[in-house]
Protein backbone atom coordinates (compact mmCIF):
# COMPACT_ATOMS: atom_id res chain seq x y z
CA UNK A 1 53.75 -20.85 10.66
CA UNK A 2 51.16 -20.69 13.45
CA UNK A 3 48.35 -23.24 13.40
CA UNK A 4 45.39 -24.23 15.53
CA UNK A 5 45.16 -27.95 16.31
CA UNK A 6 41.74 -29.48 15.71
CA UNK A 7 42.72 -32.86 17.16
CA UNK A 8 45.40 -34.05 19.56
CA UNK A 9 48.71 -34.64 17.78
CA UNK A 10 51.48 -36.63 19.45
CA UNK A 11 54.64 -34.66 20.26
CA UNK A 12 52.96 -31.43 19.12
CA UNK A 13 50.00 -30.50 21.30
CA UNK A 14 46.41 -30.96 22.28
CA UNK A 15 43.10 -29.93 20.80
CA UNK A 16 42.39 -26.16 20.52
CA UNK A 17 46.06 -25.31 21.05
CA UNK A 18 47.95 -22.72 18.98
CA UNK A 19 51.41 -23.94 18.02
CA UNK A 20 54.21 -23.01 15.62
CA UNK A 21 55.36 -25.55 13.05
CA UNK A 22 57.30 -25.50 9.82
CA UNK A 23 55.35 -24.60 6.67
CA UNK A 24 55.91 -27.94 4.94
CA UNK A 25 54.78 -29.97 7.95
CA UNK A 26 51.57 -27.96 8.16
CA UNK A 27 50.77 -28.00 4.42
CA UNK A 28 51.83 -31.55 3.64
CA UNK A 29 50.70 -33.41 6.78
CA UNK A 30 48.49 -31.51 9.21
CA UNK A 31 46.14 -29.72 6.81
CA UNK A 32 45.41 -32.69 4.48
CA UNK A 33 44.67 -34.99 7.45
CA UNK A 34 42.43 -32.29 8.97
CA UNK A 35 44.46 -32.21 12.17
CA UNK A 36 44.93 -28.43 12.11
CA UNK A 37 43.88 -25.16 10.49
CA UNK A 38 45.85 -22.00 9.84
CA UNK A 39 45.82 -19.48 12.69
CA UNK A 40 44.12 -16.66 10.77
CA UNK A 41 42.13 -13.89 12.47
CA UNK A 42 38.76 -15.57 11.77
CA UNK A 43 39.99 -18.99 12.94
CA UNK A 44 41.41 -17.44 16.13
CA UNK A 45 38.02 -15.78 16.82
CA UNK A 46 36.28 -19.15 16.30
CA UNK A 47 38.77 -20.77 18.68
CA UNK A 48 38.09 -18.10 21.28
CA UNK A 49 34.34 -18.69 21.00
CA UNK A 50 34.80 -22.50 21.26
CA UNK A 51 36.91 -22.07 24.39
CA UNK A 52 34.20 -19.84 25.95
CA UNK A 53 31.53 -22.47 25.24
CA UNK A 54 33.71 -25.24 26.66
CA UNK A 55 34.30 -23.20 29.81
CA UNK A 56 30.53 -22.69 30.28
CA UNK A 57 29.85 -26.41 29.77
CA UNK A 58 32.57 -27.29 32.26
CA UNK A 59 31.11 -24.92 34.88
CA UNK A 60 27.66 -26.47 34.47
CA UNK A 61 29.14 -29.94 34.73
CA UNK A 62 31.08 -29.03 37.90
CA UNK A 63 27.89 -27.66 39.47
CA UNK A 64 26.06 -30.92 38.67
CA UNK A 65 28.91 -32.98 40.11
CA UNK A 66 28.81 -30.89 43.30
CA UNK A 67 25.09 -31.56 43.74
CA UNK A 68 25.63 -35.29 43.13
CA UNK A 69 28.43 -35.37 45.70
CA UNK A 70 26.23 -33.60 48.25
CA UNK A 71 23.47 -36.20 47.83
CA UNK A 72 25.89 -39.13 47.94
CA UNK A 73 27.47 -38.16 51.27
CA UNK A 74 24.28 -37.28 53.15
CA UNK A 75 23.72 -40.83 54.48
CA UNK A 76 25.37 -44.24 54.09
CA UNK A 77 24.27 -46.64 51.38
CA UNK A 78 22.79 -49.98 52.46
CA UNK A 79 24.03 -53.09 50.67
CA UNK A 80 22.40 -56.46 51.38
CA UNK A 81 24.55 -59.56 51.39
CA UNK A 82 24.04 -63.16 52.41
CA UNK A 83 26.04 -63.98 55.49
CA UNK A 84 26.78 -66.79 57.89
CA UNK A 85 26.16 -66.76 61.62
CA UNK A 86 29.62 -65.36 62.39
CA UNK A 87 29.04 -62.19 60.33
CA UNK A 88 31.15 -63.18 57.35
CA UNK A 89 29.47 -62.71 54.01
CA UNK A 90 29.50 -65.24 51.21
CA UNK A 91 31.83 -63.74 48.60
CA UNK A 92 32.63 -60.03 48.84
CA UNK A 93 31.07 -56.68 47.99
CA UNK A 94 32.23 -55.33 44.61
CA UNK A 95 32.12 -51.98 42.90
CA UNK A 96 29.24 -53.26 40.76
CA UNK A 97 27.08 -53.74 43.87
CA UNK A 98 27.96 -50.24 45.08
CA UNK A 99 27.12 -48.80 41.66
CA UNK A 100 23.74 -50.57 41.73
CA UNK A 101 23.06 -49.37 45.28
CA UNK A 102 23.75 -45.76 44.24
CA UNK A 103 21.43 -46.18 41.29
CA UNK A 104 18.61 -47.67 43.41
CA UNK A 105 18.95 -45.52 46.53
CA UNK A 106 20.10 -42.16 45.15
CA UNK A 107 18.97 -42.29 41.50
CA UNK A 108 22.39 -41.57 39.93
CA UNK A 109 24.12 -43.75 37.35
CA UNK A 110 27.80 -43.97 38.20
CA UNK A 111 30.14 -46.23 36.24
CA UNK A 112 31.62 -48.94 38.42
CA UNK A 113 35.06 -48.23 36.98
CA UNK A 114 35.06 -44.86 38.74
CA UNK A 115 34.51 -46.49 42.14
CA UNK A 116 37.31 -47.90 44.29
CA UNK A 117 36.85 -49.68 47.62
CA UNK A 118 39.45 -48.87 50.26
CA UNK A 119 39.28 -52.21 52.16
CA UNK A 120 38.32 -55.71 51.14
CA UNK A 121 34.69 -56.20 52.15
CA UNK A 122 34.13 -59.70 53.50
CA UNK A 123 32.19 -59.04 56.71
CA UNK A 124 29.09 -57.19 57.79
CA UNK A 125 29.88 -53.61 58.84
CA UNK A 126 30.58 -50.06 57.67
CA UNK A 127 33.08 -49.28 54.92
CA UNK A 128 34.18 -46.46 52.60
CA UNK A 129 34.44 -46.27 48.82
CA UNK A 130 35.98 -43.48 46.72
CA UNK A 131 34.42 -42.13 43.54
CA UNK A 132 36.50 -40.22 40.99
CA UNK A 133 34.39 -37.97 38.72
CA UNK A 134 37.39 -36.57 36.85
CA UNK A 135 38.50 -32.90 36.82
CA UNK A 136 39.95 -33.36 40.35
CA UNK A 137 36.44 -34.07 41.67
CA UNK A 138 36.47 -37.01 44.11
CA UNK A 139 34.37 -38.01 47.08
CA UNK A 140 34.19 -40.72 49.73
CA UNK A 141 30.94 -42.62 50.14
CA UNK A 142 30.07 -44.53 53.29
CA UNK A 143 28.21 -47.81 52.87
CA UNK A 144 26.96 -50.44 55.26
CA UNK A 145 26.87 -54.12 54.50
CA UNK A 146 23.84 -55.67 56.19
CA UNK A 147 22.66 -59.27 56.37
CA UNK A 148 19.70 -60.31 54.25
């Protein structure tokens, strides 16, 4: 029996996927738990329409990500830190500080968990951070640590 999965099912498939299973498994487990529906003509048309809408949303999202990336790489971010006379800062710069700097200087809210710093930042100078937006969309952002 062919079915359309409504939710991800372990060892079977992902959402919006058409798979073949045994009749009993579909009727006794998947249908009652609302994990799948039968792959009838009308359900297949609905699936096709859902996939079209998802594709349009993804294209819009990728265009937005591209514009955000363009604005992020146009100039380095400035991050203030307290430092000693030798140029070493007290503590270190974290992804939270970079996220706040992006929010204040560029106007974009980026989760700090998506940001990774390439080197440990303990001195005044220029550094790079990587941001992963998902969907194979990543960028490098330059930032400067300056003394307060």
